[in-house]
mmCIF file of all heavy atoms, coordinates in Angstrom:
data_MODEL
# 
_entry.id   MODEL 
# 
loop_
_atom_site.group_PDB 
_atom_site.id 
_atom_site.type_symbol 
_atom_site.label_atom_id 
_atom_site.label_alt_id 
_atom_site.label_comp_id 
_atom_site.label_asym_id 
_atom_site.label_entity_id 
_atom_site.label_seq_id 
_atom_site.pdbx_PDB_ins_code 
_atom_site.Cartn_x 
_atom_site.Cartn_y 
_atom_site.Cartn_z 
_atom_site.occupancy 
_atom_site.B_iso_or_equiv 
_atom_site.pdbx_formal_charge 
_atom_site.auth_seq_id 
_atom_site.auth_comp_id 
_atom_site.auth_asym_id 
_atom_site.auth_atom_id 
_atom_site.pdbx_PDB_model_num 
ATOM 1   N N   . GLN A 1 1  ? 24.363 3.717   -26.059 1.00 0.00 ? 1  GLN A N   1 
ATOM 2   C CA  . GLN A 1 1  ? 22.927 3.510   -26.162 1.00 0.00 ? 1  GLN A CA  1 
ATOM 3   C C   . GLN A 1 1  ? 22.556 2.238   -25.422 1.00 0.00 ? 1  GLN A C   1 
ATOM 4   O O   . GLN A 1 1  ? 23.170 1.193   -25.605 1.00 0.00 ? 1  GLN A O   1 
ATOM 5   C CB  . GLN A 1 1  ? 22.510 3.417   -27.621 1.00 0.00 ? 1  GLN A CB  1 
ATOM 6   C CG  . GLN A 1 1  ? 21.018 3.346   -27.831 1.00 0.00 ? 1  GLN A CG  1 
ATOM 7   C CD  . GLN A 1 1  ? 20.645 3.388   -29.297 1.00 0.00 ? 1  GLN A CD  1 
ATOM 8   O OE1 . GLN A 1 1  ? 21.513 3.408   -30.154 1.00 0.00 ? 1  GLN A OE1 1 
ATOM 9   N NE2 . GLN A 1 1  ? 19.360 3.394   -29.573 1.00 0.00 ? 1  GLN A NE2 1 
ATOM 10  N N   . LEU A 1 2  ? 21.523 2.331   -24.587 1.00 0.00 ? 2  LEU A N   1 
ATOM 11  C CA  . LEU A 1 2  ? 21.097 1.197   -23.776 1.00 0.00 ? 2  LEU A CA  1 
ATOM 12  C C   . LEU A 1 2  ? 19.990 0.474   -24.514 1.00 0.00 ? 2  LEU A C   1 
ATOM 13  O O   . LEU A 1 2  ? 18.916 1.023   -24.741 1.00 0.00 ? 2  LEU A O   1 
ATOM 14  C CB  . LEU A 1 2  ? 20.596 1.683   -22.419 1.00 0.00 ? 2  LEU A CB  1 
ATOM 15  C CG  . LEU A 1 2  ? 21.557 2.573   -21.644 1.00 0.00 ? 2  LEU A CG  1 
ATOM 16  C CD1 . LEU A 1 2  ? 20.918 3.033   -20.339 1.00 0.00 ? 2  LEU A CD1 1 
ATOM 17  C CD2 . LEU A 1 2  ? 22.877 1.865   -21.376 1.00 0.00 ? 2  LEU A CD2 1 
ATOM 18  N N   . GLN A 1 3  ? 20.225 -0.768  -24.871 1.00 0.00 ? 3  GLN A N   1 
ATOM 19  C CA  . GLN A 1 3  ? 19.189 -1.498  -25.576 1.00 0.00 ? 3  GLN A CA  1 
ATOM 20  C C   . GLN A 1 3  ? 19.501 -2.984  -25.576 1.00 0.00 ? 3  GLN A C   1 
ATOM 21  O O   . GLN A 1 3  ? 20.605 -3.412  -25.297 1.00 0.00 ? 3  GLN A O   1 
ATOM 22  C CB  . GLN A 1 3  ? 19.078 -1.022  -27.023 1.00 0.00 ? 3  GLN A CB  1 
ATOM 23  C CG  . GLN A 1 3  ? 20.312 -1.316  -27.860 1.00 0.00 ? 3  GLN A CG  1 
ATOM 24  C CD  . GLN A 1 3  ? 20.131 -0.921  -29.313 1.00 0.00 ? 3  GLN A CD  1 
ATOM 25  O OE1 . GLN A 1 3  ? 19.112 -0.350  -29.704 1.00 0.00 ? 3  GLN A OE1 1 
ATOM 26  N NE2 . GLN A 1 3  ? 21.122 -1.203  -30.132 1.00 0.00 ? 3  GLN A NE2 1 
ATOM 27  N N   . PHE A 1 4  ? 18.461 -3.746  -25.908 1.00 0.00 ? 4  PHE A N   1 
ATOM 28  C CA  . PHE A 1 4  ? 18.603 -5.159  -26.182 1.00 0.00 ? 4  PHE A CA  1 
ATOM 29  C C   . PHE A 1 4  ? 18.387 -5.389  -27.671 1.00 0.00 ? 4  PHE A C   1 
ATOM 30  O O   . PHE A 1 4  ? 17.625 -4.660  -28.317 1.00 0.00 ? 4  PHE A O   1 
ATOM 31  C CB  . PHE A 1 4  ? 17.555 -5.972  -25.421 1.00 0.00 ? 4  PHE A CB  1 
ATOM 32  C CG  . PHE A 1 4  ? 17.880 -6.199  -23.990 1.00 0.00 ? 4  PHE A CG  1 
ATOM 33  C CD1 . PHE A 1 4  ? 17.175 -5.558  -22.984 1.00 0.00 ? 4  PHE A CD1 1 
ATOM 34  C CD2 . PHE A 1 4  ? 18.884 -7.078  -23.619 1.00 0.00 ? 4  PHE A CD2 1 
ATOM 35  C CE1 . PHE A 1 4  ? 17.461 -5.765  -21.650 1.00 0.00 ? 4  PHE A CE1 1 
ATOM 36  C CE2 . PHE A 1 4  ? 19.174 -7.301  -22.287 1.00 0.00 ? 4  PHE A CE2 1 
ATOM 37  C CZ  . PHE A 1 4  ? 18.463 -6.641  -21.300 1.00 0.00 ? 4  PHE A CZ  1 
ATOM 38  N N   . VAL A 1 5  ? 19.015 -6.397  -28.207 1.00 0.00 ? 5  VAL A N   1 
ATOM 39  C CA  . VAL A 1 5  ? 18.794 -6.795  -29.586 1.00 0.00 ? 5  VAL A CA  1 
ATOM 40  C C   . VAL A 1 5  ? 18.451 -8.276  -29.593 1.00 0.00 ? 5  VAL A C   1 
ATOM 41  O O   . VAL A 1 5  ? 19.271 -9.110  -29.182 1.00 0.00 ? 5  VAL A O   1 
ATOM 42  C CB  . VAL A 1 5  ? 20.033 -6.545  -30.467 1.00 0.00 ? 5  VAL A CB  1 
ATOM 43  C CG1 . VAL A 1 5  ? 19.772 -7.032  -31.885 1.00 0.00 ? 5  VAL A CG1 1 
ATOM 44  C CG2 . VAL A 1 5  ? 20.398 -5.060  -30.460 1.00 0.00 ? 5  VAL A CG2 1 
ATOM 45  N N   . GLU A 1 6  ? 17.225 -8.562  -30.034 1.00 0.00 ? 6  GLU A N   1 
ATOM 46  C CA  . GLU A 1 6  ? 16.780 -9.950  -30.113 1.00 0.00 ? 6  GLU A CA  1 
ATOM 47  C C   . GLU A 1 6  ? 17.116 -10.522 -31.487 1.00 0.00 ? 6  GLU A C   1 
ATOM 48  O O   . GLU A 1 6  ? 17.102 -9.812  -32.492 1.00 0.00 ? 6  GLU A O   1 
ATOM 49  C CB  . GLU A 1 6  ? 15.269 -10.061 -29.892 1.00 0.00 ? 6  GLU A CB  1 
ATOM 50  C CG  . GLU A 1 6  ? 14.772 -9.543  -28.568 1.00 0.00 ? 6  GLU A CG  1 
ATOM 51  C CD  . GLU A 1 6  ? 14.310 -8.103  -28.652 1.00 0.00 ? 6  GLU A CD  1 
ATOM 52  O OE1 . GLU A 1 6  ? 14.721 -7.397  -29.590 1.00 0.00 ? 6  GLU A OE1 1 
ATOM 53  O OE2 . GLU A 1 6  ? 13.535 -7.673  -27.769 1.00 0.00 ? 6  GLU A OE2 1 
ATOM 54  N N   . SER A 1 7  ? 17.365 -11.825 -31.527 1.00 0.00 ? 7  SER A N   1 
ATOM 55  C CA  . SER A 1 7  ? 17.621 -12.520 -32.785 1.00 0.00 ? 7  SER A CA  1 
ATOM 56  C C   . SER A 1 7  ? 17.270 -13.988 -32.631 1.00 0.00 ? 7  SER A C   1 
ATOM 57  O O   . SER A 1 7  ? 17.029 -14.450 -31.505 1.00 0.00 ? 7  SER A O   1 
ATOM 58  C CB  . SER A 1 7  ? 19.093 -12.367 -33.188 1.00 0.00 ? 7  SER A CB  1 
ATOM 59  O OG  . SER A 1 7  ? 19.944 -12.960 -32.224 1.00 0.00 ? 7  SER A OG  1 
ATOM 60  N N   . GLY A 1 8  ? 17.233 -14.696 -33.739 1.00 0.00 ? 8  GLY A N   1 
ATOM 61  C CA  . GLY A 1 8  ? 17.006 -16.128 -33.707 1.00 0.00 ? 8  GLY A CA  1 
ATOM 62  C C   . GLY A 1 8  ? 15.614 -16.557 -34.127 1.00 0.00 ? 8  GLY A C   1 
ATOM 63  O O   . GLY A 1 8  ? 15.325 -17.754 -34.195 1.00 0.00 ? 8  GLY A O   1 
ATOM 64  N N   . GLY A 1 9  ? 14.741 -15.594 -34.389 1.00 0.00 ? 9  GLY A N   1 
ATOM 65  C CA  . GLY A 1 9  ? 13.402 -15.959 -34.825 1.00 0.00 ? 9  GLY A CA  1 
ATOM 66  C C   . GLY A 1 9  ? 13.398 -16.507 -36.237 1.00 0.00 ? 9  GLY A C   1 
ATOM 67  O O   . GLY A 1 9  ? 14.416 -16.487 -36.942 1.00 0.00 ? 9  GLY A O   1 
ATOM 68  N N   . GLY A 1 10 ? 12.241 -17.001 -36.657 1.00 0.00 ? 10 GLY A N   1 
ATOM 69  C CA  . GLY A 1 10 ? 12.134 -17.544 -37.997 1.00 0.00 ? 10 GLY A CA  1 
ATOM 70  C C   . GLY A 1 10 ? 10.865 -18.337 -38.165 1.00 0.00 ? 10 GLY A C   1 
ATOM 71  O O   . GLY A 1 10 ? 9.956  -18.273 -37.325 1.00 0.00 ? 10 GLY A O   1 
ATOM 72  N N   . LEU A 1 11 ? 10.808 -19.078 -39.258 1.00 0.00 ? 11 LEU A N   1 
ATOM 73  C CA  . LEU A 1 11 ? 9.665  -19.921 -39.583 1.00 0.00 ? 11 LEU A CA  1 
ATOM 74  C C   . LEU A 1 11 ? 10.026 -21.373 -39.291 1.00 0.00 ? 11 LEU A C   1 
ATOM 75  O O   . LEU A 1 11 ? 11.077 -21.860 -39.738 1.00 0.00 ? 11 LEU A O   1 
ATOM 76  C CB  . LEU A 1 11 ? 9.297  -19.757 -41.057 1.00 0.00 ? 11 LEU A CB  1 
ATOM 77  C CG  . LEU A 1 11 ? 8.210  -20.678 -41.605 1.00 0.00 ? 11 LEU A CG  1 
ATOM 78  C CD1 . LEU A 1 11 ? 6.879  -20.421 -40.911 1.00 0.00 ? 11 LEU A CD1 1 
ATOM 79  C CD2 . LEU A 1 11 ? 8.079  -20.497 -43.116 1.00 0.00 ? 11 LEU A CD2 1 
ATOM 80  N N   . VAL A 1 12 ? 9.173  -22.052 -38.549 1.00 0.00 ? 12 VAL A N   1 
ATOM 81  C CA  . VAL A 1 12 ? 9.430  -23.440 -38.178 1.00 0.00 ? 12 VAL A CA  1 
ATOM 82  C C   . VAL A 1 12 ? 8.116  -24.205 -38.199 1.00 0.00 ? 12 VAL A C   1 
ATOM 83  O O   . VAL A 1 12 ? 7.043  -23.615 -38.005 1.00 0.00 ? 12 VAL A O   1 
ATOM 84  C CB  . VAL A 1 12 ? 10.105 -23.497 -36.787 1.00 0.00 ? 12 VAL A CB  1 
ATOM 85  C CG1 . VAL A 1 12 ? 9.187  -22.970 -35.707 1.00 0.00 ? 12 VAL A CG1 1 
ATOM 86  C CG2 . VAL A 1 12 ? 10.596 -24.892 -36.467 1.00 0.00 ? 12 VAL A CG2 1 
ATOM 87  N N   . GLN A 1 13 ? 8.185  -25.496 -38.424 1.00 0.00 ? 13 GLN A N   1 
ATOM 88  C CA  . GLN A 1 13 ? 6.990  -26.317 -38.416 1.00 0.00 ? 13 GLN A CA  1 
ATOM 89  C C   . GLN A 1 13 ? 6.609  -26.714 -36.993 1.00 0.00 ? 13 GLN A C   1 
ATOM 90  O O   . GLN A 1 13 ? 7.444  -26.675 -36.074 1.00 0.00 ? 13 GLN A O   1 
ATOM 91  C CB  . GLN A 1 13 ? 7.212  -27.571 -39.256 1.00 0.00 ? 13 GLN A CB  1 
ATOM 92  C CG  . GLN A 1 13 ? 7.346  -27.309 -40.750 1.00 0.00 ? 13 GLN A CG  1 
ATOM 93  C CD  . GLN A 1 13 ? 7.437  -28.590 -41.555 1.00 0.00 ? 13 GLN A CD  1 
ATOM 94  O OE1 . GLN A 1 13 ? 7.874  -29.628 -41.056 1.00 0.00 ? 13 GLN A OE1 1 
ATOM 95  N NE2 . GLN A 1 13 ? 7.037  -28.520 -42.810 1.00 0.00 ? 13 GLN A NE2 1 
ATOM 96  N N   . THR A 1 14 ? 5.365  -27.091 -36.819 1.00 0.00 ? 14 THR A N   1 
ATOM 97  C CA  . THR A 1 14 ? 4.895  -27.573 -35.526 1.00 0.00 ? 14 THR A CA  1 
ATOM 98  C C   . THR A 1 14 ? 5.790  -28.699 -35.026 1.00 0.00 ? 14 THR A C   1 
ATOM 99  O O   . THR A 1 14 ? 6.128  -29.606 -35.790 1.00 0.00 ? 14 THR A O   1 
ATOM 100 C CB  . THR A 1 14 ? 3.449  -28.069 -35.629 1.00 0.00 ? 14 THR A CB  1 
ATOM 101 O OG1 . THR A 1 14 ? 2.606  -26.956 -35.982 1.00 0.00 ? 14 THR A OG1 1 
ATOM 102 C CG2 . THR A 1 14 ? 2.970  -28.663 -34.322 1.00 0.00 ? 14 THR A CG2 1 
ATOM 103 N N   . GLY A 1 15 ? 6.173  -28.591 -33.750 1.00 0.00 ? 15 GLY A N   1 
ATOM 104 C CA  . GLY A 1 15 ? 7.068  -29.573 -33.166 1.00 0.00 ? 15 GLY A CA  1 
ATOM 105 C C   . GLY A 1 15 ? 8.536  -29.217 -33.278 1.00 0.00 ? 15 GLY A C   1 
ATOM 106 O O   . GLY A 1 15 ? 9.380  -29.887 -32.667 1.00 0.00 ? 15 GLY A O   1 
ATOM 107 N N   . GLY A 1 16 ? 8.839  -28.187 -34.028 1.00 0.00 ? 16 GLY A N   1 
ATOM 108 C CA  . GLY A 1 16 ? 10.230 -27.780 -34.222 1.00 0.00 ? 16 GLY A CA  1 
ATOM 109 C C   . GLY A 1 16 ? 10.767 -26.947 -33.069 1.00 0.00 ? 16 GLY A C   1 
ATOM 110 O O   . GLY A 1 16 ? 10.079 -26.720 -32.065 1.00 0.00 ? 16 GLY A O   1 
ATOM 111 N N   . SER A 1 17 ? 12.007 -26.498 -33.228 1.00 0.00 ? 17 SER A N   1 
ATOM 112 C CA  . SER A 1 17 ? 12.691 -25.754 -32.174 1.00 0.00 ? 17 SER A CA  1 
ATOM 113 C C   . SER A 1 17 ? 13.348 -24.495 -32.730 1.00 0.00 ? 17 SER A C   1 
ATOM 114 O O   . SER A 1 17 ? 13.737 -24.455 -33.902 1.00 0.00 ? 17 SER A O   1 
ATOM 115 C CB  . SER A 1 17 ? 13.775 -26.624 -31.517 1.00 0.00 ? 17 SER A CB  1 
ATOM 116 O OG  . SER A 1 17 ? 13.226 -27.760 -30.898 1.00 0.00 ? 17 SER A OG  1 
ATOM 117 N N   . LEU A 1 18 ? 13.464 -23.505 -31.877 1.00 0.00 ? 18 LEU A N   1 
ATOM 118 C CA  . LEU A 1 18 ? 14.215 -22.297 -32.159 1.00 0.00 ? 18 LEU A CA  1 
ATOM 119 C C   . LEU A 1 18 ? 14.906 -21.855 -30.881 1.00 0.00 ? 18 LEU A C   1 
ATOM 120 O O   . LEU A 1 18 ? 14.404 -22.114 -29.776 1.00 0.00 ? 18 LEU A O   1 
ATOM 121 C CB  . LEU A 1 18 ? 13.306 -21.168 -32.652 1.00 0.00 ? 18 LEU A CB  1 
ATOM 122 C CG  . LEU A 1 18 ? 12.756 -21.243 -34.073 1.00 0.00 ? 18 LEU A CG  1 
ATOM 123 C CD1 . LEU A 1 18 ? 11.734 -20.130 -34.292 1.00 0.00 ? 18 LEU A CD1 1 
ATOM 124 C CD2 . LEU A 1 18 ? 13.869 -21.145 -35.098 1.00 0.00 ? 18 LEU A CD2 1 
ATOM 125 N N   . ARG A 1 19 ? 16.021 -21.168 -31.041 1.00 0.00 ? 19 ARG A N   1 
ATOM 126 C CA  . ARG A 1 19 ? 16.704 -20.586 -29.900 1.00 0.00 ? 19 ARG A CA  1 
ATOM 127 C C   . ARG A 1 19 ? 16.847 -19.083 -30.121 1.00 0.00 ? 19 ARG A C   1 
ATOM 128 O O   . ARG A 1 19 ? 17.520 -18.649 -31.047 1.00 0.00 ? 19 ARG A O   1 
ATOM 129 C CB  . ARG A 1 19 ? 18.090 -21.201 -29.714 1.00 0.00 ? 19 ARG A CB  1 
ATOM 130 C CG  . ARG A 1 19 ? 18.782 -20.770 -28.406 1.00 0.00 ? 19 ARG A CG  1 
ATOM 131 C CD  . ARG A 1 19 ? 20.243 -21.122 -28.425 1.00 0.00 ? 19 ARG A CD  1 
ATOM 132 N NE  . ARG A 1 19 ? 20.848 -21.038 -27.102 1.00 0.00 ? 19 ARG A NE  1 
ATOM 133 C CZ  . ARG A 1 19 ? 22.160 -20.889 -26.894 1.00 0.00 ? 19 ARG A CZ  1 
ATOM 134 N NH1 . ARG A 1 19 ? 22.981 -20.817 -27.925 1.00 0.00 ? 19 ARG A NH1 1 
ATOM 135 N NH2 . ARG A 1 19 ? 22.643 -20.842 -25.665 1.00 0.00 ? 19 ARG A NH2 1 
ATOM 136 N N   . LEU A 1 20 ? 16.173 -18.327 -29.278 1.00 0.00 ? 20 LEU A N   1 
ATOM 137 C CA  . LEU A 1 20 ? 16.245 -16.871 -29.358 1.00 0.00 ? 20 LEU A CA  1 
ATOM 138 C C   . LEU A 1 20 ? 17.384 -16.351 -28.488 1.00 0.00 ? 20 LEU A C   1 
ATOM 139 O O   . LEU A 1 20 ? 17.661 -16.900 -27.424 1.00 0.00 ? 20 LEU A O   1 
ATOM 140 C CB  . LEU A 1 20 ? 14.926 -16.247 -28.908 1.00 0.00 ? 20 LEU A CB  1 
ATOM 141 C CG  . LEU A 1 20 ? 13.658 -16.727 -29.606 1.00 0.00 ? 20 LEU A CG  1 
ATOM 142 C CD1 . LEU A 1 20 ? 12.460 -15.935 -29.093 1.00 0.00 ? 20 LEU A CD1 1 
ATOM 143 C CD2 . LEU A 1 20 ? 13.781 -16.640 -31.108 1.00 0.00 ? 20 LEU A CD2 1 
ATOM 144 N N   . SER A 1 21 ? 18.003 -15.281 -28.972 1.00 0.00 ? 21 SER A N   1 
ATOM 145 C CA  . SER A 1 21 ? 19.063 -14.617 -28.206 1.00 0.00 ? 21 SER A CA  1 
ATOM 146 C C   . SER A 1 21 ? 18.666 -13.178 -27.926 1.00 0.00 ? 21 SER A C   1 
ATOM 147 O O   . SER A 1 21 ? 17.972 -12.547 -28.721 1.00 0.00 ? 21 SER A O   1 
ATOM 148 C CB  . SER A 1 21 ? 20.385 -14.636 -28.979 1.00 0.00 ? 21 SER A CB  1 
ATOM 149 O OG  . SER A 1 21 ? 20.846 -15.945 -29.170 1.00 0.00 ? 21 SER A OG  1 
ATOM 150 N N   . CYS A 1 22 ? 19.149 -12.667 -26.831 1.00 0.00 ? 22 CYS A N   1 
ATOM 151 C CA  . CYS A 1 22 ? 18.852 -11.306 -26.395 1.00 0.00 ? 22 CYS A CA  1 
ATOM 152 C C   . CYS A 1 22 ? 20.168 -10.691 -25.936 1.00 0.00 ? 22 CYS A C   1 
ATOM 153 O O   . CYS A 1 22 ? 20.641 -10.986 -24.842 1.00 0.00 ? 22 CYS A O   1 
ATOM 154 C CB  . CYS A 1 22 ? 17.831 -11.375 -25.271 1.00 0.00 ? 22 CYS A CB  1 
ATOM 155 S SG  . CYS A 1 22 ? 17.563 -9.842  -24.368 1.00 0.00 ? 22 CYS A SG  1 
ATOM 156 N N   . ALA A 1 23 ? 20.778 -9.885  -26.791 1.00 0.00 ? 23 ALA A N   1 
ATOM 157 C CA  . ALA A 1 23 ? 22.092 -9.319  -26.503 1.00 0.00 ? 23 ALA A CA  1 
ATOM 158 C C   . ALA A 1 23 ? 21.948 -7.900  -25.958 1.00 0.00 ? 23 ALA A C   1 
ATOM 159 O O   . ALA A 1 23 ? 21.255 -7.071  -26.541 1.00 0.00 ? 23 ALA A O   1 
ATOM 160 C CB  . ALA A 1 23 ? 22.939 -9.306  -27.768 1.00 0.00 ? 23 ALA A CB  1 
ATOM 161 N N   . ALA A 1 24 ? 22.615 -7.630  -24.838 1.00 0.00 ? 24 ALA A N   1 
ATOM 162 C CA  . ALA A 1 24 ? 22.537 -6.322  -24.200 1.00 0.00 ? 24 ALA A CA  1 
ATOM 163 C C   . ALA A 1 24 ? 23.657 -5.415  -24.694 1.00 0.00 ? 24 ALA A C   1 
ATOM 164 O O   . ALA A 1 24 ? 24.802 -5.849  -24.841 1.00 0.00 ? 24 ALA A O   1 
ATOM 165 C CB  . ALA A 1 24 ? 22.623 -6.474  -22.692 1.00 0.00 ? 24 ALA A CB  1 
ATOM 166 N N   . SER A 1 25 ? 23.306 -4.166  -24.925 1.00 0.00 ? 25 SER A N   1 
ATOM 167 C CA  . SER A 1 25 ? 24.284 -3.176  -25.353 1.00 0.00 ? 25 SER A CA  1 
ATOM 168 C C   . SER A 1 25 ? 24.221 -1.990  -24.416 1.00 0.00 ? 25 SER A C   1 
ATOM 169 O O   . SER A 1 25 ? 23.167 -1.370  -24.262 1.00 0.00 ? 25 SER A O   1 
ATOM 170 C CB  . SER A 1 25 ? 23.996 -2.730  -26.786 1.00 0.00 ? 25 SER A CB  1 
ATOM 171 O OG  . SER A 1 25 ? 24.872 -1.686  -27.180 1.00 0.00 ? 25 SER A OG  1 
ATOM 172 N N   . GLY A 1 26 ? 25.345 -1.698  -23.747 1.00 0.00 ? 26 GLY A N   1 
ATOM 173 C CA  . GLY A 1 26 ? 25.378 -0.558  -22.852 1.00 0.00 ? 26 GLY A CA  1 
ATOM 174 C C   . GLY A 1 26 ? 24.643 -0.764  -21.557 1.00 0.00 ? 26 GLY A C   1 
ATOM 175 O O   . GLY A 1 26 ? 24.409 0.196   -20.809 1.00 0.00 ? 26 GLY A O   1 
ATOM 176 N N   . ILE A 1 27 ? 24.263 -1.996  -21.266 1.00 0.00 ? 27 ILE A N   1 
ATOM 177 C CA  . ILE A 1 27 ? 23.481 -2.299  -20.062 1.00 0.00 ? 27 ILE A CA  1 
ATOM 178 C C   . ILE A 1 27 ? 24.315 -3.165  -19.146 1.00 0.00 ? 27 ILE A C   1 
ATOM 179 O O   . ILE A 1 27 ? 24.940 -4.120  -19.592 1.00 0.00 ? 27 ILE A O   1 
ATOM 180 C CB  . ILE A 1 27 ? 22.180 -3.040  -20.422 1.00 0.00 ? 27 ILE A CB  1 
ATOM 181 C CG1 . ILE A 1 27 ? 21.335 -2.219  -21.393 1.00 0.00 ? 27 ILE A CG1 1 
ATOM 182 C CG2 . ILE A 1 27 ? 21.382 -3.380  -19.164 1.00 0.00 ? 27 ILE A CG2 1 
ATOM 183 C CD1 . ILE A 1 27 ? 20.186 -2.983  -21.995 1.00 0.00 ? 27 ILE A CD1 1 
# 
């Protein structure tokens, strides 16, 4: 199956940081 799976989101306060990931499967 060809797809991406995103992760790393969440709740953060103004000025904060997050790192999102995008993992490919079958691509």
